Amino acid sequence: MSANLQAKQAIVEEIKAKIQASKSVVFADYNKLTVLEVTDLRNQFRAANCEYKVYKNTLVRKAFNELGITDFDADLNGTTATVFCADETSGAAVFAKAVKANPVLTDKIVPKCAFLENKYMGKEEVKELAAIPSKEVLIAKMLGCLQSSISKFVYVLDVIAKAKEANN
């Protein structure tokens, strides 16, 4: 077995391990990005606890095929960036935020598809995924709603108690 083939097999194994360790994997077309733009994107992904990598499409396709997933065969062509995410929404959200912050990137970064909960998600589903807040934000909103209800209830009880005192 040649050294080149062994190196490719090692990369396929690395990709498979990253797919299995990630909660989501997002693929995007990154056509005509400058080095500065790619570096900025990598930093944004790193801050969101994601890993931005560019692999050969054939190696990513082989890794998915070895895991028994063939849905991505049609999307893995051209320039493809792969983002491995520790949560469900951060990868898609970082792409959306980057394009929103810098409209020049609109034609340069186009989401292709995603892998979430062992299923394929198309381009439109990736855009919907980007709109969902992270788990931490959703928990904070829920707790805020609960706290708001409780504080309003306490306020009503306080008003009732003060009204009773005024009547006595």
C-alpha atoms as a PDB file:
ATOM      1  CA  MET A   1       0.000   0.000   0.000  1.00  0.00           C
ATOM      2  CA  SER A   2       1.430   3.379  -0.988  1.00  0.00           C
ATOM      3  CA  ALA A   3       2.175   6.155   1.472  1.00  0.00           C
ATOM      4  CA  ASN A   4      -0.245   8.445  -0.368  1.00  0.00           C
ATOM      5  CA  LEU A   5      -3.095   5.952   0.016  1.00  0.00           C
ATOM      6  CA  GLN A   6      -2.301   5.479   3.704  1.00  0.00           C
ATOM      7  CA  ALA A   7      -2.317   9.259   4.234  1.00  0.00           C
ATOM      8  CA  LYS A   8      -5.713   9.535   2.531  1.00  0.00           C
ATOM      9  CA  GLN A   9      -7.123   6.698   4.641  1.00  0.00           C
ATOM     10  CA  ALA A  10      -5.850   8.444   7.778  1.00  0.00           C
ATOM     11  CA  ILE A  11      -7.624  11.649   6.710  1.00  0.00           C
ATOM     12  CA  VAL A  12     -10.855   9.708   6.053  1.00  0.00           C
ATOM     13  CA  GLU A  13     -10.628   8.199   9.549  1.00  0.00           C
ATOM     14  CA  GLU A  14     -10.039  11.688  10.999  1.00  0.00           C
ATOM     15  CA  ILE A  15     -13.107  13.022   9.171  1.00  0.00           C
ATOM     16  CA  LYS A  16     -15.240  10.097  10.369  1.00  0.00           C
ATOM     17  CA  ALA A  17     -14.153  10.720  13.969  1.00  0.00           C
ATOM     18  CA  LYS A  18     -15.018  14.406  13.675  1.00  0.00           C
ATOM     19  CA  ILE A  19     -18.428  13.633  12.154  1.00  0.00           C
ATOM     20  CA  GLN A  20     -19.237  11.233  14.971  1.00  0.00           C
ATOM     21  CA  ALA A  21     -18.026  13.670  17.654  1.00  0.00           C
ATOM     22  CA  SER A  22     -20.003  16.616  16.242  1.00  0.00           C
ATOM     23  CA  LYS A  23     -23.654  17.406  16.864  1.00  0.00           C
ATOM     24  CA  SER A  24     -23.844  19.030  13.435  1.00  0.00           C
ATOM     25  CA  VAL A  25     -21.724  19.379  10.312  1.00  0.00           C
ATOM     26  CA  VAL A  26     -22.335  22.250   7.895  1.00  0.00           C
ATOM     27  CA  PHE A  27     -21.071  22.440   4.320  1.00  0.00           C
ATOM     28  CA  ALA A  28     -20.712  25.703   2.420  1.00  0.00           C
ATOM     29  CA  ASP A  29     -19.395  26.923  -0.902  1.00  0.00           C
ATOM     30  CA  TYR A  30     -16.607  29.391  -0.146  1.00  0.00           C
ATOM     31  CA  ASN A  31     -15.825  30.651  -3.637  1.00  0.00           C
ATOM     32  CA  LYS A  32     -13.384  33.581  -4.019  1.00  0.00           C
ATOM     33  CA  LEU A  33     -12.752  34.280  -0.318  1.00  0.00           C
ATOM     34  CA  THR A  34      -9.587  36.192   0.465  1.00  0.00           C
ATOM     35  CA  VAL A  35      -7.093  34.913   3.019  1.00  0.00           C
ATOM     36  CA  LEU A  36      -8.163  37.665   5.420  1.00  0.00           C
ATOM     37  CA  GLU A  37     -11.843  36.701   5.086  1.00  0.00           C
ATOM     38  CA  VAL A  38     -11.069  33.008   5.656  1.00  0.00           C
ATOM     39  CA  THR A  39      -8.952  33.848   8.700  1.00  0.00           C
ATOM     40  CA  ASP A  40     -11.767  35.980  10.118  1.00  0.00           C
ATOM     41  CA  LEU A  41     -14.261  33.160   9.517  1.00  0.00           C
ATOM     42  CA  ARG A  42     -11.982  30.621  11.206  1.00  0.00           C
ATOM     43  CA  ASN A  43     -11.712  32.899  14.239  1.00  0.00           C
ATOM     44  CA  GLN A  44     -15.496  33.306  14.405  1.00  0.00           C
ATOM     45  CA  PHE A  45     -15.971  29.548  14.229  1.00  0.00           C
ATOM     46  CA  ARG A  46     -13.304  28.966  16.864  1.00  0.00           C
ATOM     47  CA  ALA A  47     -15.096  31.429  19.168  1.00  0.00           C
ATOM     48  CA  ALA A  48     -18.345  29.484  18.593  1.00  0.00           C
ATOM     49  CA  ASN A  49     -16.613  26.180  19.482  1.00  0.00           C
ATOM     50  CA  CYS A  50     -16.653  24.960  15.868  1.00  0.00           C
ATOM     51  CA  GLU A  51     -13.911  23.763  13.553  1.00  0.00           C
ATOM     52  CA  TYR A  52     -13.687  25.136  10.005  1.00  0.00           C
ATOM     53  CA  LYS A  53     -11.776  22.802   7.672  1.00  0.00           C
ATOM     54  CA  VAL A  54     -11.350  22.345   3.962  1.00  0.00           C
ATOM     55  CA  TYR A  55     -10.953  18.739   2.852  1.00  0.00           C
ATOM     56  CA  LYS A  56     -11.025  17.135  -0.555  1.00  0.00           C
ATOM     57  CA  ASN A  57     -14.640  16.382  -1.446  1.00  0.00           C
ATOM     58  CA  THR A  58     -13.818  12.787  -2.342  1.00  0.00           C
ATOM     59  CA  LEU A  59     -12.385  12.166   1.135  1.00  0.00           C
ATOM     60  CA  VAL A  60     -15.423  13.683   2.882  1.00  0.00           C
ATOM     61  CA  ARG A  61     -17.741  11.696   0.598  1.00  0.00           C
ATOM     62  CA  LYS A  62     -15.808   8.499   1.384  1.00  0.00           C
ATOM     63  CA  ALA A  63     -16.010   9.194   5.139  1.00  0.00           C
ATOM     64  CA  PHE A  64     -19.784   9.666   4.962  1.00  0.00           C
ATOM     65  CA  ASN A  65     -20.170   6.594   2.747  1.00  0.00           C
ATOM     66  CA  GLU A  66     -18.192   4.501   5.238  1.00  0.00           C
ATOM     67  CA  LEU A  67     -20.629   5.696   7.912  1.00  0.00           C
ATOM     68  CA  GLY A  68     -23.498   4.511   5.704  1.00  0.00           C
ATOM     69  CA  ILE A  69     -24.662   7.991   4.628  1.00  0.00           C
ATOM     70  CA  THR A  70     -24.899   8.721   0.899  1.00  0.00           C
ATOM     71  CA  ASP A  71     -27.142  11.816   0.909  1.00  0.00           C
ATOM     72  CA  PHE A  72     -24.211  14.207   0.521  1.00  0.00           C
ATOM     73  CA  ASP A  73     -22.777  12.773  -2.686  1.00  0.00           C
ATOM     74  CA  ALA A  74     -24.468  15.372  -4.920  1.00  0.00           C
ATOM     75  CA  ASP A  75     -23.481  18.358  -2.728  1.00  0.00           C
ATOM     76  CA  LEU A  76     -19.814  17.495  -2.320  1.00  0.00           C
ATOM     77  CA  ASN A  77     -18.448  19.156  -5.433  1.00  0.00           C
ATOM     78  CA  GLY A  78     -16.685  22.431  -6.130  1.00  0.00           C
ATOM     79  CA  THR A  79     -15.187  24.483  -3.326  1.00  0.00           C
ATOM     80  CA  THR A  80     -16.564  23.081  -0.085  1.00  0.00           C
ATOM     81  CA  ALA A  81     -15.793  24.180   3.460  1.00  0.00           C
ATOM     82  CA  THR A  82     -16.701  21.764   6.233  1.00  0.00           C
ATOM     83  CA  VAL A  83     -17.630  23.031   9.695  1.00  0.00           C
ATOM     84  CA  PHE A  84     -17.786  20.576  12.599  1.00  0.00           C
ATOM     85  CA  CYS A  85     -19.946  21.955  15.422  1.00  0.00           C
ATOM     86  CA  ALA A  86     -20.267  21.061  19.077  1.00  0.00           C
ATOM     87  CA  ASP A  87     -23.924  22.143  19.064  1.00  0.00           C
ATOM     88  CA  GLU A  88     -26.791  22.065  16.608  1.00  0.00           C
ATOM     89  CA  THR A  89     -27.046  25.668  15.423  1.00  0.00           C
ATOM     90  CA  SER A  90     -23.746  27.519  15.834  1.00  0.00           C
ATOM     91  CA  GLY A  91     -22.186  26.549  12.492  1.00  0.00           C
ATOM     92  CA  ALA A  92     -25.089  27.766  10.401  1.00  0.00           C
ATOM     93  CA  ALA A  93     -25.487  30.835  12.637  1.00  0.00           C
ATOM     94  CA  VAL A  94     -21.849  31.909  12.187  1.00  0.00           C
ATOM     95  CA  PHE A  95     -22.211  31.742   8.394  1.00  0.00           C
ATOM     96  CA  ALA A  96     -25.404  33.820   8.591  1.00  0.00           C
ATOM     97  CA  LYS A  97     -23.841  36.386  10.960  1.00  0.00           C
ATOM     98  CA  ALA A  98     -20.727  36.698   8.795  1.00  0.00           C
ATOM     99  CA  VAL A  99     -22.810  37.420   5.691  1.00  0.00           C
ATOM    100  CA  LYS A 100     -25.051  39.843   7.608  1.00  0.00           C
ATOM    101  CA  ALA A 101     -22.046  41.719   9.042  1.00  0.00           C
ATOM    102  CA  ASN A 102     -20.259  41.882   5.689  1.00  0.00           C
ATOM    103  CA  PRO A 103     -22.663  41.912   2.697  1.00  0.00           C
ATOM    104  CA  VAL A 104     -19.694  41.443   0.336  1.00  0.00           C
ATOM    105  CA  LEU A 105     -19.628  37.820   1.501  1.00  0.00           C
ATOM    106  CA  THR A 106     -23.171  37.153   0.238  1.00  0.00           C
ATOM    107  CA  ASP A 107     -21.945  35.638  -3.040  1.00  0.00           C
ATOM    108  CA  LYS A 108     -18.752  34.232  -1.542  1.00  0.00           C
ATOM    109  CA  ILE A 109     -20.278  32.041   1.196  1.00  0.00           C
ATOM    110  CA  VAL A 110     -23.292  29.955   0.247  1.00  0.00           C
ATOM    111  CA  PRO A 111     -24.502  27.144   2.526  1.00  0.00           C
ATOM    112  CA  LYS A 112     -24.846  23.860   0.677  1.00  0.00           C
ATOM    113  CA  CYS A 113     -26.237  21.423   3.215  1.00  0.00           C
ATOM    114  CA  ALA A 114     -25.824  20.130   6.757  1.00  0.00           C
ATOM    115  CA  PHE A 115     -25.744  16.910   8.743  1.00  0.00           C
ATOM    116  CA  LEU A 116     -27.797  17.103  11.925  1.00  0.00           C
ATOM    117  CA  GLU A 117     -29.098  14.274  14.098  1.00  0.00           C
ATOM    118  CA  ASN A 118     -27.970  11.674  11.545  1.00  0.00           C
ATOM    119  CA  LYS A 119     -29.956  13.193   8.710  1.00  0.00           C
ATOM    120  CA  TYR A 120     -29.381  15.349   5.658  1.00  0.00           C
ATOM    121  CA  MET A 121     -30.555  18.967   5.621  1.00  0.00           C
ATOM    122  CA  GLY A 122     -30.770  20.949   2.382  1.00  0.00           C
ATOM    123  CA  LYS A 123     -29.835  24.560   1.705  1.00  0.00           C
ATOM    124  CA  GLU A 124     -33.182  25.993   2.867  1.00  0.00           C
ATOM    125  CA  GLU A 125     -33.135  23.952   6.068  1.00  0.00           C
ATOM    126  CA  VAL A 126     -29.644  25.276   6.835  1.00  0.00           C
ATOM    127  CA  LYS A 127     -30.964  28.835   6.538  1.00  0.00           C
ATOM    128  CA  GLU A 128     -33.803  27.970   8.937  1.00  0.00           C
ATOM    129  CA  LEU A 129     -31.285  26.371  11.298  1.00  0.00           C
ATOM    130  CA  ALA A 130     -29.260  29.595  11.324  1.00  0.00           C
ATOM    131  CA  ALA A 131     -32.297  31.509  12.581  1.00  0.00           C
ATOM    132  CA  ILE A 132     -32.697  29.311  15.661  1.00  0.00           C
ATOM    133  CA  PRO A 133     -31.000  30.750  18.762  1.00  0.00           C
ATOM    134  CA  SER A 134     -28.479  28.611  20.621  1.00  0.00           C
ATOM    135  CA  LYS A 135     -29.549  26.339  23.463  1.00  0.00           C
ATOM    136  CA  GLU A 136     -28.149  28.740  26.072  1.00  0.00           C
ATOM    137  CA  VAL A 137     -30.118  31.680  24.639  1.00  0.00           C
ATOM    138  CA  LEU A 138     -33.334  29.647  24.577  1.00  0.00           C
ATOM    139  CA  ILE A 139     -32.836  28.582  28.199  1.00  0.00           C
ATOM    140  CA  ALA A 140     -32.168  32.192  29.225  1.00  0.00           C
ATOM    141  CA  LYS A 141     -35.357  33.336  27.459  1.00  0.00           C
ATOM    142  CA  MET A 142     -37.392  30.602  29.128  1.00  0.00           C
ATOM    143  CA  LEU A 143     -36.012  31.492  32.563  1.00  0.00           C
ATOM    144  CA  GLY A 144     -36.727  35.164  31.888  1.00  0.00           C
ATOM    145  CA  CYS A 145     -40.341  34.317  31.074  1.00  0.00           C
ATOM    146  CA  LEU A 146     -40.683  32.226  34.224  1.00  0.00           C
ATOM    147  CA  GLN A 147     -39.088  34.924  36.362  1.00  0.00           C
ATOM    148  CA  SER A 148     -41.338  37.561  34.825  1.00  0.00           C
ATOM    149  CA  SER A 149     -44.469  35.584  35.696  1.00  0.00           C
ATOM    150  CA  ILE A 150     -43.317  35.012  39.254  1.00  0.00           C
ATOM    151  CA  SER A 151     -42.391  38.657  39.801  1.00  0.00           C
ATOM    152  CA  LYS A 152     -45.792  39.776  38.443  1.00  0.00           C
ATOM    153  CA  PHE A 153     -47.511  37.322  40.793  1.00  0.00           C
ATOM    154  CA  VAL A 154     -45.521  38.680  43.752  1.00  0.00           C
ATOM    155  CA  TYR A 155     -46.434  42.236  42.705  1.00  0.00           C
ATOM    156  CA  VAL A 156     -50.158  41.355  42.648  1.00  0.00           C
ATOM    157  CA  LEU A 157     -49.898  39.733  46.107  1.00  0.00           C
ATOM    158  CA  ASP A 158     -48.121  42.838  47.410  1.00  0.00           C
ATOM    159  CA  VAL A 159     -50.839  45.134  46.022  1.00  0.00           C
ATOM    160  CA  ILE A 160     -53.543  42.948  47.602  1.00  0.00           C
ATOM    161  CA  ALA A 161     -51.735  42.986  50.971  1.00  0.00           C
ATOM    162  CA  LYS A 162     -51.342  46.777  50.841  1.00  0.00           C
ATOM    163  CA  ALA A 163     -55.027  47.185  49.941  1.00  0.00           C
ATOM    164  CA  LYS A 164     -56.033  45.055  52.934  1.00  0.00           C
ATOM    165  CA  GLU A 165     -53.799  47.129  55.222  1.00  0.00           C
ATOM    166  CA  ALA A 166     -55.338  50.339  53.904  1.00  0.00           C
ATOM    167  CA  ASN A 167     -58.873  49.015  54.559  1.00  0.00           C
ATOM    168  CA  ASN A 168     -58.057  48.005  58.155  1.00  0.00           C
END
